[in-house]
């Protein structure tokens, strides 16, 4: 009797070069409400959603997904995004002045007195 090595004879399927058409896509207008502790950080993605029953009502920011990551992975992702922003500025997709405005707005937000 032949010994079974656990192989089925089929070659493993290599990962696709590009995401499949069924790959999930998330559209977000921003991220908010970060909290951290016990080695993880979490935050919510939000979208500016129009009112469904009153077309004249202003859009509201609505959280739709929570992301939870290990702190190290979040820091790595932040470094990745920092490099992307530098490339976006270099390639003229956004100005450095606009990036500085966004950073200043978060500095002001973080330094605001609590109510």
N, C-alpha and C. Protein backbone atom coordinates (compact mmCIF):
# COMPACT_ATOMS: atom_id res chain seq x y z
N UNK A 1 0.85 -1.17 0.00
CA UNK A 1 0.00 0.00 0.00
C UNK A 1 0.90 1.24 0.00
N UNK A 2 0.56 2.19 -0.84
CA UNK A 2 1.36 3.41 -0.95
C UNK A 2 1.14 4.29 0.27
N UNK A 3 2.21 4.95 0.67
CA UNK A 3 2.13 5.85 1.81
C UNK A 3 1.52 7.19 1.37
N UNK A 4 0.59 7.74 2.14
CA UNK A 4 -0.07 9.01 1.80
C UNK A 4 0.74 10.14 2.41
N UNK A 5 1.27 11.01 1.56
CA UNK A 5 2.08 12.13 2.06
C UNK A 5 1.23 13.36 2.37
N UNK A 6 -0.09 13.25 2.18
CA UNK A 6 -0.95 14.39 2.44
C UNK A 6 -1.17 15.25 1.22
N UNK A 7 -0.47 14.97 0.13
CA UNK A 7 -0.61 15.75 -1.10
C UNK A 7 -1.77 15.21 -1.90
N UNK A 8 -2.54 16.09 -2.47
CA UNK A 8 -3.68 15.68 -3.31
C UNK A 8 -3.26 15.59 -4.76
N UNK A 9 -2.03 15.99 -5.08
CA UNK A 9 -1.57 15.97 -6.45
C UNK A 9 -1.87 17.26 -7.18
N UNK A 10 -2.76 18.06 -6.66
CA UNK A 10 -3.10 19.33 -7.30
C UNK A 10 -2.11 20.40 -6.87
N UNK A 11 -1.68 21.20 -7.84
CA UNK A 11 -0.78 22.30 -7.53
C UNK A 11 -1.57 23.42 -6.84
N UNK A 12 -0.95 24.13 -5.87
CA UNK A 12 -1.67 25.24 -5.23
C UNK A 12 -1.95 26.34 -6.26
N UNK A 13 -3.09 26.97 -6.10
CA UNK A 13 -3.47 28.05 -7.01
C UNK A 13 -2.76 29.31 -6.56
N UNK A 14 -2.01 29.93 -7.47
CA UNK A 14 -1.30 31.16 -7.07
C UNK A 14 -2.30 32.29 -6.84
N UNK A 15 -1.93 33.23 -5.98
CA UNK A 15 -2.84 34.35 -5.74
C UNK A 15 -3.00 35.16 -7.02
N UNK A 16 -4.16 35.78 -7.21
CA UNK A 16 -4.38 36.58 -8.41
C UNK A 16 -3.48 37.82 -8.41
N UNK A 17 -3.17 38.30 -9.60
CA UNK A 17 -2.32 39.48 -9.72
C UNK A 17 -3.08 40.74 -9.31
N UNK A 18 -4.39 40.74 -9.53
CA UNK A 18 -5.24 41.89 -9.20
C UNK A 18 -6.43 41.40 -8.38
N UNK A 19 -7.05 42.31 -7.60
CA UNK A 19 -8.24 41.89 -6.85
C UNK A 19 -9.34 41.41 -7.80
N UNK A 20 -10.11 40.45 -7.34
CA UNK A 20 -11.21 39.93 -8.15
C UNK A 20 -12.33 40.98 -8.23
N UNK A 21 -13.25 40.83 -9.17
CA UNK A 21 -14.37 41.77 -9.26
C UNK A 21 -15.26 41.76 -8.00
N UNK A 22 -15.15 40.71 -7.21
CA UNK A 22 -15.97 40.59 -6.00
C UNK A 22 -15.24 41.05 -4.74
N UNK A 23 -14.06 41.62 -4.92
CA UNK A 23 -13.27 42.13 -3.80
C UNK A 23 -14.03 43.29 -3.16
N UNK A 24 -14.21 43.31 -1.84
CA UNK A 24 -14.98 44.39 -1.21
C UNK A 24 -14.33 45.77 -1.42
N UNK A 25 -15.16 46.76 -1.65
CA UNK A 25 -14.71 48.14 -1.81
C UNK A 25 -15.41 48.98 -0.74
N UNK A 26 -14.66 49.85 -0.09
CA UNK A 26 -15.21 50.74 0.93
C UNK A 26 -14.97 52.17 0.49
N UNK A 27 -16.02 52.98 0.45
CA UNK A 27 -15.86 54.41 0.22
C UNK A 27 -16.08 55.13 1.53
N UNK A 28 -15.15 55.98 1.91
CA UNK A 28 -15.28 56.75 3.15
C UNK A 28 -14.90 58.19 2.86
N UNK A 29 -15.59 59.11 3.53
CA UNK A 29 -15.22 60.52 3.46
C UNK A 29 -14.17 60.86 4.50
N UNK A 30 -13.96 59.99 5.47
CA UNK A 30 -12.97 60.26 6.49
C UNK A 30 -12.98 59.20 7.57
N UNK A 31 -12.16 59.44 8.58
CA UNK A 31 -12.07 58.56 9.74
C UNK A 31 -12.22 59.42 11.00
N UNK A 32 -12.76 58.83 12.04
CA UNK A 32 -12.98 59.60 13.27
C UNK A 32 -12.97 58.70 14.50
N UNK A 33 -13.04 59.35 15.64
CA UNK A 33 -13.26 58.69 16.93
C UNK A 33 -12.25 57.59 17.27
N UNK A 34 -10.97 57.92 17.18
CA UNK A 34 -9.95 56.92 17.52
C UNK A 34 -9.89 56.70 19.03
N UNK A 35 -9.66 55.46 19.40
CA UNK A 35 -9.45 55.09 20.81
C UNK A 35 -8.42 53.97 20.82
N UNK A 36 -7.61 53.90 21.88
CA UNK A 36 -6.57 52.87 21.93
C UNK A 36 -6.38 52.40 23.35
N UNK A 37 -5.82 51.22 23.44
CA UNK A 37 -5.52 50.60 24.73
C UNK A 37 -5.35 49.11 24.52
N UNK A 38 -4.64 48.47 25.46
CA UNK A 38 -4.42 47.02 25.44
C UNK A 38 -3.82 46.54 24.12
N UNK A 39 -2.96 47.39 23.52
CA UNK A 39 -2.23 46.97 22.34
C UNK A 39 -2.95 47.12 21.01
N UNK A 40 -4.17 47.70 21.03
CA UNK A 40 -4.90 47.91 19.78
C UNK A 40 -5.35 49.36 19.68
N UNK A 41 -5.65 49.76 18.46
CA UNK A 41 -6.26 51.06 18.20
C UNK A 41 -7.48 50.80 17.34
N UNK A 42 -8.53 51.57 17.57
CA UNK A 42 -9.74 51.41 16.77
C UNK A 42 -10.27 52.78 16.40
N UNK A 43 -10.91 52.84 15.26
CA UNK A 43 -11.54 54.07 14.80
C UNK A 43 -12.67 53.71 13.86
N UNK A 44 -13.48 54.71 13.54
CA UNK A 44 -14.60 54.52 12.63
C UNK A 44 -14.36 55.24 11.32
N UNK A 45 -14.75 54.60 10.23
CA UNK A 45 -14.86 55.30 8.95
C UNK A 45 -16.23 55.95 8.92
N UNK A 46 -16.32 57.12 8.29
CA UNK A 46 -17.62 57.76 8.13
C UNK A 46 -17.82 58.23 6.71
N UNK A 47 -19.10 58.40 6.36
CA UNK A 47 -19.50 58.98 5.08
C UNK A 47 -20.44 60.13 5.36
N UNK A 48 -20.40 61.13 4.50
CA UNK A 48 -21.39 62.20 4.56
C UNK A 48 -22.61 61.71 3.79
N UNK A 49 -23.67 61.44 4.51
CA UNK A 49 -24.86 60.84 3.92
C UNK A 49 -25.97 61.88 3.79
N UNK A 50 -26.64 61.91 2.63
CA UNK A 50 -27.77 62.82 2.46
C UNK A 50 -28.99 62.30 3.22
N UNK A 51 -29.90 63.21 3.56
CA UNK A 51 -31.15 62.80 4.20
C UNK A 51 -31.98 62.03 3.18
N UNK A 52 -32.63 60.97 3.63
CA UNK A 52 -33.41 60.14 2.72
C UNK A 52 -34.82 60.68 2.51
N UNK A 53 -35.39 61.30 3.53
CA UNK A 53 -36.78 61.74 3.43
C UNK A 53 -36.93 63.22 3.15
N UNK A 54 -35.88 63.99 3.40
CA UNK A 54 -35.95 65.43 3.20
C UNK A 54 -34.76 65.86 2.33
N UNK A 55 -34.95 65.94 1.02
CA UNK A 55 -33.82 66.25 0.14
C UNK A 55 -33.15 67.59 0.44
N UNK A 56 -33.83 68.51 1.09
CA UNK A 56 -33.24 69.81 1.41
C UNK A 56 -32.42 69.83 2.68
N UNK A 57 -32.48 68.75 3.46
CA UNK A 57 -31.75 68.70 4.72
C UNK A 57 -30.25 68.54 4.44
N UNK A 58 -29.42 69.10 5.31
CA UNK A 58 -27.97 68.96 5.09
C UNK A 58 -27.53 67.51 5.30
N UNK A 59 -26.45 67.15 4.62
CA UNK A 59 -25.88 65.82 4.79
C UNK A 59 -25.30 65.70 6.20
N UNK A 60 -25.27 64.49 6.71
CA UNK A 60 -24.70 64.22 8.03
C UNK A 60 -23.59 63.19 7.91
N UNK A 61 -22.57 63.36 8.74
CA UNK A 61 -21.52 62.34 8.81
C UNK A 61 -22.06 61.15 9.59
N UNK A 62 -21.99 59.97 8.98
CA UNK A 62 -22.51 58.76 9.61
C UNK A 62 -21.42 57.68 9.62
N UNK A 63 -21.09 57.20 10.81
CA UNK A 63 -20.12 56.10 10.93
C UNK A 63 -20.74 54.86 10.29
N UNK A 64 -19.91 54.10 9.56
CA UNK A 64 -20.45 52.89 8.92
C UNK A 64 -19.57 51.66 9.12
N UNK A 65 -18.33 51.85 9.59
CA UNK A 65 -17.46 50.69 9.81
C UNK A 65 -16.44 51.02 10.88
N UNK A 66 -16.13 50.04 11.71
CA UNK A 66 -15.09 50.19 12.72
C UNK A 66 -13.89 49.37 12.30
N UNK A 67 -12.71 49.94 12.45
CA UNK A 67 -11.45 49.24 12.16
C UNK A 67 -10.72 49.07 13.49
N UNK A 68 -10.24 47.87 13.75
CA UNK A 68 -9.47 47.58 14.95
C UNK A 68 -8.16 46.93 14.49
N UNK A 69 -7.04 47.50 14.94
CA UNK A 69 -5.72 47.01 14.52
C UNK A 69 -4.77 46.98 15.70
N UNK A 70 -3.77 46.09 15.65
CA UNK A 70 -2.69 46.19 16.62
C UNK A 70 -1.97 47.53 16.45
N UNK A 71 -1.48 48.10 17.55
CA UNK A 71 -0.81 49.41 17.49
C UNK A 71 0.37 49.39 16.53
N UNK A 72 1.18 48.33 16.55
CA UNK A 72 2.33 48.26 15.63
C UNK A 72 1.88 48.29 14.17
N UNK A 73 0.83 47.56 13.85
CA UNK A 73 0.31 47.54 12.48
C UNK A 73 -0.23 48.92 12.09
N UNK A 74 -0.87 49.59 13.03
CA UNK A 74 -1.37 50.94 12.75
C UNK A 74 -0.21 51.90 12.48
N UNK A 75 0.84 51.81 13.28
CA UNK A 75 2.00 52.68 13.07
C UNK A 75 2.64 52.40 11.71
N UNK A 76 2.73 51.13 11.34
CA UNK A 76 3.27 50.77 10.02
C UNK A 76 2.38 51.36 8.93
N UNK A 77 1.06 51.25 9.08
CA UNK A 77 0.13 51.78 8.10
C UNK A 77 0.26 53.31 8.01
N UNK A 78 0.45 53.96 9.14
CA UNK A 78 0.62 55.42 9.15
C UNK A 78 1.87 55.82 8.37
N UNK A 79 2.95 55.07 8.54
CA UNK A 79 4.18 55.35 7.78
C UNK A 79 3.93 55.15 6.28
N UNK A 80 3.18 54.12 5.94
CA UNK A 80 2.80 53.86 4.55
C UNK A 80 2.02 55.05 3.99
N UNK A 81 1.01 55.53 4.74
CA UNK A 81 0.22 56.67 4.28
C UNK A 81 1.05 57.95 4.20
N UNK A 82 1.98 58.14 5.14
CA UNK A 82 2.86 59.31 5.06
C UNK A 82 3.62 59.32 3.73
N UNK A 83 4.12 58.16 3.33
CA UNK A 83 4.83 58.07 2.06
C UNK A 83 3.89 58.31 0.88
N UNK A 84 2.66 57.82 0.97
CA UNK A 84 1.69 58.07 -0.10
C UNK A 84 1.40 59.56 -0.24
N UNK A 85 1.23 60.25 0.87
CA UNK A 85 0.95 61.69 0.82
C UNK A 85 2.12 62.42 0.17
N UNK A 86 3.35 62.05 0.52
CA UNK A 86 4.52 62.67 -0.11
C UNK A 86 4.49 62.46 -1.63
N UNK A 87 4.12 61.27 -2.05
CA UNK A 87 4.03 60.98 -3.49
C UNK A 87 2.90 61.77 -4.15
N UNK A 88 1.78 61.90 -3.46
CA UNK A 88 0.66 62.68 -4.01
C UNK A 88 1.04 64.14 -4.18
N UNK A 89 1.79 64.68 -3.23
CA UNK A 89 2.26 66.07 -3.34
C UNK A 89 3.25 66.17 -4.50
N UNK A 90 4.21 65.26 -4.53
CA UNK A 90 5.24 65.28 -5.58
C UNK A 90 4.62 65.19 -6.97
N UNK A 91 3.58 64.38 -7.12
CA UNK A 91 2.92 64.17 -8.42
C UNK A 91 1.80 65.18 -8.69
N UNK A 92 1.71 66.21 -7.82
CA UNK A 92 0.73 67.30 -8.00
C UNK A 92 -0.74 66.88 -7.94
N UNK A 93 -1.02 65.85 -7.15
CA UNK A 93 -2.42 65.47 -6.93
C UNK A 93 -3.04 66.27 -5.80
N UNK A 94 -2.19 66.83 -4.96
CA UNK A 94 -2.61 67.70 -3.86
C UNK A 94 -1.42 68.60 -3.54
N UNK A 95 -1.70 69.78 -3.02
CA UNK A 95 -0.60 70.69 -2.68
C UNK A 95 -0.13 70.45 -1.25
N UNK A 96 1.11 70.80 -0.99
CA UNK A 96 1.64 70.70 0.36
C UNK A 96 0.87 71.63 1.29
N UNK A 97 0.45 72.79 0.77
CA UNK A 97 -0.33 73.74 1.58
C UNK A 97 -1.64 73.10 2.05
N UNK A 98 -2.29 72.33 1.18
CA UNK A 98 -3.55 71.67 1.56
C UNK A 98 -3.28 70.60 2.63
N UNK A 99 -2.22 69.84 2.45
CA UNK A 99 -1.85 68.83 3.45
C UNK A 99 -1.58 69.51 4.79
N UNK A 100 -0.87 70.62 4.75
CA UNK A 100 -0.57 71.36 5.99
C UNK A 100 -1.85 71.87 6.65
N UNK A 101 -2.84 72.29 5.83
CA UNK A 101 -4.13 72.72 6.38
C UNK A 101 -4.80 71.58 7.14
N UNK A 102 -4.81 70.40 6.54
CA UNK A 102 -5.42 69.23 7.21
C UNK A 102 -4.70 68.92 8.52
N UNK A 103 -3.38 68.93 8.50
CA UNK A 103 -2.62 68.63 9.72
C UNK A 103 -2.89 69.66 10.79
N UNK A 104 -2.94 70.94 10.40
CA UNK A 104 -3.21 72.02 11.36
C UNK A 104 -4.60 71.85 11.96
N UNK A 105 -5.59 71.49 11.13
CA UNK A 105 -6.95 71.33 11.66
C UNK A 105 -7.01 70.24 12.72
N UNK A 106 -6.23 69.16 12.55
CA UNK A 106 -6.21 68.10 13.56
C UNK A 106 -5.43 68.52 14.79
N UNK A 107 -4.38 69.32 14.60
CA UNK A 107 -3.65 69.85 15.77
C UNK A 107 -4.58 70.75 16.58
N UNK A 108 -5.33 71.61 15.89
CA UNK A 108 -6.28 72.48 16.59
C UNK A 108 -7.36 71.65 17.29
N UNK A 109 -7.83 70.62 16.63
CA UNK A 109 -8.86 69.74 17.20
C UNK A 109 -8.33 69.04 18.46
N UNK A 110 -7.11 68.54 18.37
CA UNK A 110 -6.52 67.82 19.52
C UNK A 110 -6.18 68.74 20.68
N UNK A 111 -5.95 70.03 20.40
CA UNK A 111 -5.59 70.98 21.45
C UNK A 111 -6.80 71.75 21.99
N UNK A 112 -7.99 71.48 21.46
CA UNK A 112 -9.18 72.19 21.92
C UNK A 112 -9.51 71.77 23.35
N UNK A 113 -9.99 72.70 24.16
CA UNK A 113 -10.38 72.32 25.53
C UNK A 113 -11.57 71.38 25.53
N UNK A 114 -11.58 70.46 26.45
CA UNK A 114 -12.71 69.53 26.57
C UNK A 114 -13.91 70.26 27.13
N UNK A 115 -15.10 69.81 26.70
CA UNK A 115 -16.33 70.43 27.22
C UNK A 115 -17.04 69.53 28.16
